[in-house]
């Protein structure tokens, strides 16, 4: 399937009540688009990172009661999963689309990763675009604008990633659903490539 952009019905999925009902709509409406994005960006990210990046579309299989509030395709250098590794994500909530580089709490080597990031604090602080955002929890939509951070505050986020067991760190962009719906599939792909190119240095570190 070719990715032709996000539409209103993709975001409206998250207003449907009930786990089965929402999952049925998600599988029919959103998941094919995430699979298409997976096919598109797997070779791109593999080339850019130098590691084979396998796409993993969220299945939400563990859910038994609460319907998902967001969904995504993740990319990691592992055929079995992505949560244990630094990875990339494209996904959406009811209100917006996100494109992330992510280190989440399941990563067993996140202390070492955070230490390396801390040694590069000056470069990271200067090189991440001002309109990018950071997240400390992939399960919540709240973000921190890079433009609002001091260098010390960013470094504190790296220290927290080292010292707090459940700590996470994600960097990338949030795009409102209104903005996302204006973009064609090719325009969204081009924009997402530009975002990934800005966060891939974090992965390479």
Protein backbone atom coordinates (compact mmCIF):
# COMPACT_ATOMS: atom_id res chain seq x y z
CA UNK A 1 0.00 0.00 0.00
CA UNK A 2 1.16 3.52 -0.79
CA UNK A 3 0.94 6.03 2.04
CA UNK A 4 -1.39 8.81 0.91
CA UNK A 5 -1.41 10.94 4.03
CA UNK A 6 -3.49 11.11 7.20
CA UNK A 7 -7.20 11.92 7.11
CA UNK A 8 -9.78 13.00 9.68
CA UNK A 9 -11.03 9.43 10.13
CA UNK A 10 -7.55 8.32 11.24
CA UNK A 11 -7.67 10.67 14.23
CA UNK A 12 -11.37 10.03 14.88
CA UNK A 13 -10.52 6.38 15.64
CA UNK A 14 -9.42 7.51 19.11
CA UNK A 15 -12.88 8.90 19.93
CA UNK A 16 -14.56 5.49 19.54
CA UNK A 17 -15.65 3.93 22.83
CA UNK A 18 -14.81 0.34 23.72
CA UNK A 19 -11.65 -1.70 23.20
CA UNK A 20 -13.03 -4.01 20.50
CA UNK A 21 -14.75 -1.22 18.62
CA UNK A 22 -11.73 1.07 18.64
CA UNK A 23 -9.33 -1.73 17.71
CA UNK A 24 -11.56 -2.78 14.83
CA UNK A 25 -11.52 0.76 13.43
CA UNK A 26 -7.81 1.18 14.09
CA UNK A 27 -6.96 -2.05 12.26
CA UNK A 28 -9.14 -1.08 9.29
CA UNK A 29 -8.21 2.60 9.03
CA UNK A 30 -4.84 3.42 10.60
CA UNK A 31 -2.83 0.21 10.64
CA UNK A 32 -2.51 -0.09 6.82
CA UNK A 33 -1.03 3.42 6.76
CA UNK A 34 1.46 2.54 9.49
CA UNK A 35 2.43 -0.60 7.57
CA UNK A 36 2.96 1.53 4.46
CA UNK A 37 5.13 3.96 6.43
CA UNK A 38 7.05 0.98 7.76
CA UNK A 39 7.81 -0.18 4.23
CA UNK A 40 8.79 3.35 3.21
CA UNK A 41 11.09 4.22 6.10
CA UNK A 42 12.71 0.88 6.86
CA UNK A 43 15.17 1.15 3.91
CA UNK A 44 15.66 4.89 4.49
CA UNK A 45 16.55 4.45 8.17
CA UNK A 46 18.70 1.40 7.40
CA UNK A 47 20.75 3.44 4.94
CA UNK A 48 21.01 6.50 7.16
CA UNK A 49 21.95 4.63 10.36
CA UNK A 50 24.03 1.82 8.87
CA UNK A 51 21.92 -0.73 10.81
CA UNK A 52 19.10 -2.81 9.38
CA UNK A 53 15.93 -1.20 10.69
CA UNK A 54 12.94 -3.52 11.02
CA UNK A 55 9.44 -1.98 11.18
CA UNK A 56 7.18 -3.03 14.09
CA UNK A 57 3.55 -1.88 13.91
CA UNK A 58 1.89 -1.64 17.33
CA UNK A 59 -0.54 -4.51 17.89
CA UNK A 60 -1.85 -3.45 21.35
CA UNK A 61 -2.24 -7.18 22.01
CA UNK A 62 -1.85 -6.97 25.79
CA UNK A 63 -4.87 -4.74 26.19
CA UNK A 64 -7.90 -6.37 27.78
CA UNK A 65 -9.97 -3.37 28.87
CA UNK A 66 -8.79 0.15 27.99
CA UNK A 67 -8.65 1.07 24.29
CA UNK A 68 -5.36 2.59 23.05
CA UNK A 69 -5.03 6.38 23.01
CA UNK A 70 -2.26 6.32 20.41
CA UNK A 71 -0.67 3.96 17.90
CA UNK A 72 2.57 3.81 15.94
CA UNK A 73 5.12 2.02 13.81
CA UNK A 74 8.55 1.66 15.41
CA UNK A 75 11.88 0.89 13.74
CA UNK A 76 14.72 -0.98 15.44
CA UNK A 77 17.69 -3.17 14.59
CA UNK A 78 15.96 -6.32 15.84
CA UNK A 79 13.41 -8.64 14.25
CA UNK A 80 11.84 -9.61 17.59
CA UNK A 81 11.05 -6.19 19.02
CA UNK A 82 12.07 -2.60 19.53
CA UNK A 83 11.40 -1.62 23.15
CA UNK A 84 14.77 -2.86 24.41
CA UNK A 85 16.72 -0.75 21.90
CA UNK A 86 17.09 2.88 20.87
CA UNK A 87 14.52 3.18 18.08
CA UNK A 88 12.47 5.46 15.87
CA UNK A 89 8.69 5.94 15.80
CA UNK A 90 5.97 7.45 13.63
CA UNK A 91 2.49 7.52 15.11
CA UNK A 92 -0.56 9.46 16.13
CA UNK A 93 -2.83 10.48 18.98
CA UNK A 94 -6.31 11.96 18.53
CA UNK A 95 -4.77 15.45 18.43
CA UNK A 96 -1.47 15.05 16.59
CA UNK A 97 1.15 13.02 14.74
CA UNK A 98 4.55 12.32 16.30
CA UNK A 99 7.95 11.41 14.86
CA UNK A 100 10.46 10.29 17.50
CA UNK A 101 13.87 8.98 18.31
CA UNK A 102 13.14 7.04 21.49
CA UNK A 103 14.84 5.42 24.45
CA UNK A 104 12.16 3.91 26.66
CA UNK A 105 12.38 2.29 30.09
CA UNK A 106 12.66 -1.29 28.79
CA UNK A 107 16.09 -0.57 27.28
CA UNK A 108 18.59 -2.46 29.49
CA UNK A 109 21.55 -0.30 28.43
CA UNK A 110 19.87 3.08 28.80
CA UNK A 111 22.31 4.13 31.53
CA UNK A 112 25.26 3.75 29.15
CA UNK A 113 23.31 5.48 26.38
CA UNK A 114 22.46 8.40 28.66
CA UNK A 115 26.08 8.73 29.76
CA UNK A 116 27.19 8.99 26.13
CA UNK A 117 24.52 11.58 25.41
CA UNK A 118 25.66 13.58 28.42
CA UNK A 119 29.21 13.75 27.10
CA UNK A 120 27.81 15.31 23.89
CA UNK A 121 25.54 17.80 25.64
CA UNK A 122 26.96 20.89 23.92
CA UNK A 123 26.54 19.48 20.42
CA UNK A 124 23.06 18.09 21.11
CA UNK A 125 21.86 21.34 22.63
CA UNK A 126 23.12 23.34 19.64
CA UNK A 127 22.13 20.91 16.86
CA UNK A 128 18.56 19.97 17.79
CA UNK A 129 16.22 22.42 15.99
CA UNK A 130 14.40 24.93 18.17
CA UNK A 131 10.95 23.69 17.08
CA UNK A 132 11.68 20.08 18.10
CA UNK A 133 10.30 18.68 21.35
CA UNK A 134 11.33 16.22 24.07
CA UNK A 135 9.18 13.72 25.95
CA UNK A 136 9.90 12.01 29.26
CA UNK A 137 7.09 9.43 28.92
CA UNK A 138 5.99 7.82 25.66
CA UNK A 139 2.56 7.00 27.13
CA UNK A 140 1.64 10.67 27.64
CA UNK A 141 1.15 13.43 25.04
CA UNK A 142 2.88 16.16 27.05
CA UNK A 143 6.16 17.46 25.62
CA UNK A 144 8.88 20.01 26.38
CA UNK A 145 9.95 22.40 23.63
CA UNK A 146 13.66 22.39 22.90
CA UNK A 147 13.49 26.18 22.61
CA UNK A 148 12.31 26.35 26.24
CA UNK A 149 15.20 24.30 27.63
CA UNK A 150 18.45 25.56 29.09
CA UNK A 151 21.51 23.39 28.56
CA UNK A 152 21.46 22.47 32.25
CA UNK A 153 17.83 21.36 32.03
CA UNK A 154 18.60 19.15 29.04
CA UNK A 155 21.57 17.65 30.85
CA UNK A 156 19.34 16.96 33.84
CA UNK A 157 17.10 14.92 31.54
CA UNK A 158 20.10 12.79 30.54
CA UNK A 159 21.04 12.37 34.22
CA UNK A 160 17.47 11.35 35.05
CA UNK A 161 17.63 8.72 32.29
CA UNK A 162 20.67 7.25 34.04
CA UNK A 163 19.30 7.32 37.58
CA UNK A 164 15.54 6.69 37.40
CA UNK A 165 14.53 3.13 36.56
CA UNK A 166 11.34 4.05 34.68
CA UNK A 167 12.86 7.14 33.00
CA UNK A 168 12.51 7.58 29.25
CA UNK A 169 13.65 10.14 26.70
CA UNK A 170 12.23 10.87 23.26
CA UNK A 171 13.17 13.62 20.80
CA UNK A 172 11.44 14.70 17.61
CA UNK A 173 8.35 16.58 16.54
CA UNK A 174 4.64 16.81 17.22
CA UNK A 175 2.46 17.94 14.32
CA UNK A 176 -1.15 18.92 14.92
CA UNK A 177 -3.73 16.83 13.12
CA UNK A 178 -4.81 19.95 11.23
CA UNK A 179 -1.29 20.39 9.85
CA UNK A 180 -0.90 16.68 9.13
CA UNK A 181 -4.16 16.49 7.19
CA UNK A 182 -2.96 19.26 4.85
CA UNK A 183 0.04 17.18 3.70
CA UNK A 184 -0.02 14.68 0.88
CA UNK A 185 1.64 11.33 1.42
CA UNK A 186 4.79 12.44 -0.36
CA UNK A 187 4.92 15.75 1.52
CA UNK A 188 4.59 13.96 4.85
CA UNK A 189 7.29 11.48 3.84
CA UNK A 190 9.68 14.25 2.83
CA UNK A 191 9.07 16.13 6.08
CA UNK A 192 9.50 13.00 8.20
CA UNK A 193 12.79 12.22 6.45
CA UNK A 194 14.04 15.67 7.43
CA UNK A 195 13.05 15.06 11.06
CA UNK A 196 14.78 11.70 11.18
CA UNK A 197 17.96 13.20 9.73
CA UNK A 198 18.07 15.62 12.68
CA UNK A 199 17.69 12.89 15.34
CA UNK A 200 19.71 10.09 13.72
CA UNK A 201 22.94 11.63 15.20
CA UNK A 202 21.45 10.86 18.64
CA UNK A 203 21.12 7.23 17.60
CA UNK A 204 24.68 7.16 16.25
CA UNK A 205 26.06 8.52 19.51
